[in-house]
Amino acid sequence: MCIFVHYKQKIMESLIILGVIGAPQIILIVIAILLLFGGKKIPELMRGLGSGIKEFKDASKDDDEKSNDKIQE
């Protein structure tokens, strides 16, 4: 119990240090991304990110189906 309380306190301290991401921080992040990659490169990056997420979801579904098949046998 004492370890859990200590761990929870550390998490809360790190959240206080990091703060909450609000609208001004999101705007700064978007501007930084635009400056780094340019407007033409961003659609390619998002397309790659989307396909990566789709592959991850498909792989996790396959793993779930395989584990369910093993459980039923």
C-alpha atoms as a PDB file:
ATOM      1  CA  MET A   1       0.000   0.000   0.000  1.00  0.00           C
ATOM      2  CA  CYS A   2       2.806   2.398   0.873  1.00  0.00           C
ATOM      3  CA  ILE A   3       4.510   1.760  -2.476  1.00  0.00           C
ATOM      4  CA  PHE A   4       1.282   2.524  -4.340  1.00  0.00           C
ATOM      5  CA  VAL A   5       0.815   5.811  -2.482  1.00  0.00           C
ATOM      6  CA  HIS A   6       4.414   6.809  -3.201  1.00  0.00           C
ATOM      7  CA  TYR A   7       4.024   5.900  -6.892  1.00  0.00           C
ATOM      8  CA  LYS A   8       0.764   7.852  -7.144  1.00  0.00           C
ATOM      9  CA  GLN A   9       2.412  10.877  -5.544  1.00  0.00           C
ATOM     10  CA  LYS A  10       5.261  10.753  -8.095  1.00  0.00           C
ATOM     11  CA  ILE A  11       2.758  10.638 -10.957  1.00  0.00           C
ATOM     12  CA  MET A  12       0.890  13.651  -9.578  1.00  0.00           C
ATOM     13  CA  GLU A  13       4.145  15.597  -9.193  1.00  0.00           C
ATOM     14  CA  SER A  14       5.115  14.893 -12.789  1.00  0.00           C
ATOM     15  CA  LEU A  15       1.686  15.991 -14.019  1.00  0.00           C
ATOM     16  CA  ILE A  16       1.972  19.241 -12.105  1.00  0.00           C
ATOM     17  CA  ILE A  17       5.387  19.897 -13.624  1.00  0.00           C
ATOM     18  CA  LEU A  18       4.212  19.127 -17.161  1.00  0.00           C
ATOM     19  CA  GLY A  19       0.972  21.015 -16.803  1.00  0.00           C
ATOM     20  CA  VAL A  20      -2.093  20.657 -18.955  1.00  0.00           C
ATOM     21  CA  ILE A  21      -1.902  21.070 -22.711  1.00  0.00           C
ATOM     22  CA  GLY A  22      -4.265  23.839 -23.705  1.00  0.00           C
ATOM     23  CA  ALA A  23      -5.122  25.681 -26.902  1.00  0.00           C
ATOM     24  CA  PRO A  24      -2.009  27.917 -26.912  1.00  0.00           C
ATOM     25  CA  GLN A  25       0.294  24.902 -26.576  1.00  0.00           C
ATOM     26  CA  ILE A  26      -1.495  23.050 -29.368  1.00  0.00           C
ATOM     27  CA  ILE A  27      -1.199  26.109 -31.636  1.00  0.00           C
ATOM     28  CA  LEU A  28       2.537  26.298 -30.934  1.00  0.00           C
ATOM     29  CA  ILE A  29       2.948  22.609 -31.716  1.00  0.00           C
ATOM     30  CA  VAL A  30       1.073  22.981 -35.018  1.00  0.00           C
ATOM     31  CA  ILE A  31       3.190  25.997 -35.994  1.00  0.00           C
ATOM     32  CA  ALA A  32       6.386  24.120 -35.147  1.00  0.00           C
ATOM     33  CA  ILE A  33       5.297  21.142 -37.268  1.00  0.00           C
ATOM     34  CA  LEU A  34       4.448  23.440 -40.178  1.00  0.00           C
ATOM     35  CA  LEU A  35       7.842  25.115 -39.935  1.00  0.00           C
ATOM     36  CA  LEU A  36       9.709  21.825 -39.698  1.00  0.00           C
ATOM     37  CA  PHE A  37       7.962  19.856 -42.424  1.00  0.00           C
ATOM     38  CA  GLY A  38       6.181  22.412 -44.612  1.00  0.00           C
ATOM     39  CA  GLY A  39       2.638  22.257 -45.911  1.00  0.00           C
ATOM     40  CA  LYS A  40       3.370  19.799 -48.719  1.00  0.00           C
ATOM     41  CA  LYS A  41       4.943  17.134 -46.520  1.00  0.00           C
ATOM     42  CA  ILE A  42       2.245  16.998 -43.827  1.00  0.00           C
ATOM     43  CA  PRO A  43      -0.340  15.023 -45.875  1.00  0.00           C
ATOM     44  CA  GLU A  44       2.308  12.364 -46.558  1.00  0.00           C
ATOM     45  CA  LEU A  45       3.151  12.169 -42.861  1.00  0.00           C
ATOM     46  CA  MET A  46      -0.511  11.823 -41.882  1.00  0.00           C
ATOM     47  CA  ARG A  47      -1.075   9.166 -44.547  1.00  0.00           C
ATOM     48  CA  GLY A  48       1.861   7.174 -43.199  1.00  0.00           C
ATOM     49  CA  LEU A  49       0.630   7.596 -39.633  1.00  0.00           C
ATOM     50  CA  GLY A  50      -2.850   6.422 -40.603  1.00  0.00           C
ATOM     51  CA  SER A  51      -1.577   3.344 -42.403  1.00  0.00           C
ATOM     52  CA  GLY A  52       0.649   2.506 -39.430  1.00  0.00           C
ATOM     53  CA  ILE A  53      -2.288   2.737 -37.037  1.00  0.00           C
ATOM     54  CA  LYS A  54      -4.406   0.582 -39.354  1.00  0.00           C
ATOM     55  CA  GLU A  55      -1.693  -2.098 -39.526  1.00  0.00           C
ATOM     56  CA  PHE A  56      -1.372  -2.047 -35.739  1.00  0.00           C
ATOM     57  CA  LYS A  57      -5.129  -2.506 -35.276  1.00  0.00           C
ATOM     58  CA  ASP A  58      -5.210  -5.347 -37.821  1.00  0.00           C
ATOM     59  CA  ALA A  59      -2.310  -7.089 -36.097  1.00  0.00           C
ATOM     60  CA  SER A  60      -3.933  -6.747 -32.680  1.00  0.00           C
ATOM     61  CA  LYS A  61      -7.222  -8.151 -34.048  1.00  0.00           C
ATOM     62  CA  ASP A  62      -5.360 -11.136 -35.501  1.00  0.00           C
ATOM     63  CA  ASP A  63      -3.669 -11.771 -32.160  1.00  0.00           C
ATOM     64  CA  ASP A  64      -7.007 -11.555 -30.339  1.00  0.00           C
ATOM     65  CA  GLU A  65      -8.619 -13.989 -32.766  1.00  0.00           C
ATOM     66  CA  LYS A  66      -5.729 -16.451 -32.387  1.00  0.00           C
ATOM     67  CA  SER A  67      -5.894 -16.303 -28.604  1.00  0.00           C
ATOM     68  CA  ASN A  68      -9.685 -16.788 -28.681  1.00  0.00           C
ATOM     69  CA  ASP A  69      -9.254 -19.814 -30.960  1.00  0.00           C
ATOM     70  CA  LYS A  70      -6.738 -21.340 -28.548  1.00  0.00           C
ATOM     71  CA  ILE A  71      -9.040 -20.740 -25.591  1.00  0.00           C
ATOM     72  CA  GLN A  72     -11.984 -22.434 -27.334  1.00  0.00           C
ATOM     73  CA  GLU A  73      -9.911 -25.527 -28.202  1.00  0.00           C
END
